[in-house]
């Protein structure tokens, strides 16, 4: 096991080297995972599976945020109350969510956008 510790961390982290072989590539694809998951409860294969699920979830959230394409402002836009400000901020989000739902309903069953 290789351990790594930055000055601000209270304890060392475990470092895993992940190497993937690709049939269409001459070179190996490699990357490191740095984790604080224990080595006895979390063997390398289990850590990799967990991080892959997390990466997939983060990718889906990124796609969702891109699909909304809403830019929220931190200014009050002239609103005099918190309710006014929230109404100004939430309107473009709700409007865009409605457009996303309409687009989704236009997709044929079983197709991917």
Protein backbone atom coordinates (compact mmCIF):
# COMPACT_ATOMS: atom_id res chain seq x y z
CA UNK A 1 0.00 0.00 0.00
CA UNK A 2 1.18 3.48 -0.84
CA UNK A 3 0.15 6.32 1.47
CA UNK A 4 0.15 10.04 0.80
CA UNK A 5 -0.41 12.92 3.18
CA UNK A 6 -0.74 16.64 2.63
CA UNK A 7 0.04 18.92 5.56
CA UNK A 8 -3.61 19.86 6.12
CA UNK A 9 -4.83 16.23 6.27
CA UNK A 10 -5.04 14.69 9.75
CA UNK A 11 -3.93 11.27 8.46
CA UNK A 12 -2.39 9.71 5.34
CA UNK A 13 -4.62 8.66 2.43
CA UNK A 14 -4.41 5.43 0.52
CA UNK A 15 -3.22 5.68 -3.09
CA UNK A 16 -4.44 3.17 -5.67
CA UNK A 17 -3.02 2.89 -9.17
CA UNK A 18 -5.68 1.85 -11.68
CA UNK A 19 -4.46 0.52 -15.04
CA UNK A 20 -6.83 -0.23 -17.91
CA UNK A 21 -5.86 -2.01 -21.09
CA UNK A 22 -7.72 -0.94 -24.20
CA UNK A 23 -7.90 -3.17 -27.24
CA UNK A 24 -7.74 -0.22 -29.67
CA UNK A 25 -4.80 1.50 -27.98
CA UNK A 26 -1.15 0.54 -27.75
CA UNK A 27 -0.64 2.40 -24.49
CA UNK A 28 -2.15 1.56 -21.13
CA UNK A 29 -4.60 4.01 -19.58
CA UNK A 30 -3.63 4.66 -15.96
CA UNK A 31 -4.77 6.95 -13.16
CA UNK A 32 -4.51 7.24 -9.39
CA UNK A 33 -7.29 7.16 -6.82
CA UNK A 34 -6.56 8.82 -3.50
CA UNK A 35 -8.98 7.72 -0.80
CA UNK A 36 -9.44 7.61 2.94
CA UNK A 37 -11.43 4.35 2.75
CA UNK A 38 -9.86 1.64 4.91
CA UNK A 39 -7.90 -1.13 3.20
CA UNK A 40 -9.54 -3.94 5.18
CA UNK A 41 -13.15 -2.92 4.55
CA UNK A 42 -12.47 -1.57 1.06
CA UNK A 43 -10.35 -3.76 -1.23
CA UNK A 44 -9.12 -2.02 -4.42
CA UNK A 45 -11.86 -3.47 -6.67
CA UNK A 46 -14.59 -2.24 -4.31
CA UNK A 47 -13.04 1.25 -4.11
CA UNK A 48 -12.85 1.47 -7.91
CA UNK A 49 -16.50 0.38 -8.28
CA UNK A 50 -17.60 3.01 -5.75
CA UNK A 51 -15.66 5.82 -7.46
CA UNK A 52 -17.01 4.79 -10.88
CA UNK A 53 -20.58 5.04 -9.56
CA UNK A 54 -19.78 8.44 -8.08
CA UNK A 55 -18.27 9.62 -11.36
CA UNK A 56 -21.35 8.49 -13.26
CA UNK A 57 -23.64 10.36 -10.85
CA UNK A 58 -21.55 13.53 -11.16
CA UNK A 59 -21.63 13.26 -14.96
CA UNK A 60 -25.44 12.97 -14.92
CA UNK A 61 -25.69 16.03 -12.66
CA UNK A 62 -23.43 17.95 -15.05
CA UNK A 63 -25.61 16.97 -18.01
CA UNK A 64 -28.72 18.04 -16.10
CA UNK A 65 -27.21 21.42 -15.23
CA UNK A 66 -26.15 21.91 -18.86
CA UNK A 67 -29.62 20.99 -20.10
CA UNK A 68 -31.21 23.57 -17.82
CA UNK A 69 -28.83 26.27 -19.08
CA UNK A 70 -30.05 28.66 -16.39
CA UNK A 71 -27.86 31.46 -15.11
CA UNK A 72 -28.82 32.52 -11.62
CA UNK A 73 -27.87 35.94 -10.38
CA UNK A 74 -27.01 36.83 -6.81
CA UNK A 75 -28.48 40.32 -7.22
CA UNK A 76 -31.95 41.10 -5.95
CA UNK A 77 -33.09 42.53 -9.32
CA UNK A 78 -35.03 45.22 -7.48
CA UNK A 79 -36.95 42.82 -5.26
CA UNK A 80 -37.92 44.29 -1.91
CA UNK A 81 -38.53 41.02 -0.05
CA UNK A 82 -37.00 37.56 0.04
CA UNK A 83 -40.14 36.21 -1.64
CA UNK A 84 -39.75 38.69 -4.52
CA UNK A 85 -36.12 37.71 -5.00
CA UNK A 86 -36.92 33.97 -4.92
CA UNK A 87 -39.69 34.51 -7.47
CA UNK A 88 -37.25 36.29 -9.80
CA UNK A 89 -34.65 33.54 -9.40
CA UNK A 90 -37.01 30.55 -9.61
CA UNK A 91 -38.98 31.68 -12.67
CA UNK A 92 -36.23 30.89 -15.25
CA UNK A 93 -35.54 27.55 -13.55
CA UNK A 94 -39.20 26.51 -13.61
CA UNK A 95 -39.58 27.77 -17.18
CA UNK A 96 -36.54 25.76 -18.33
CA UNK A 97 -37.68 22.63 -16.45
CA UNK A 98 -40.97 22.84 -18.31
CA UNK A 99 -39.12 23.02 -21.63
CA UNK A 100 -36.97 20.02 -20.68
CA UNK A 101 -40.12 18.04 -19.78
CA UNK A 102 -41.77 18.95 -23.09
CA UNK A 103 -38.65 17.84 -24.98
CA UNK A 104 -38.54 14.59 -23.00
CA UNK A 105 -42.18 13.82 -23.79
CA UNK A 106 -41.53 14.32 -27.52
CA UNK A 107 -38.93 11.53 -27.50
CA UNK A 108 -40.21 8.20 -28.87
CA UNK A 109 -40.40 5.45 -26.28
CA UNK A 110 -37.13 3.58 -25.87
CA UNK A 111 -35.03 6.26 -27.54
CA UNK A 112 -32.22 8.21 -25.95
CA UNK A 113 -31.94 11.97 -26.41
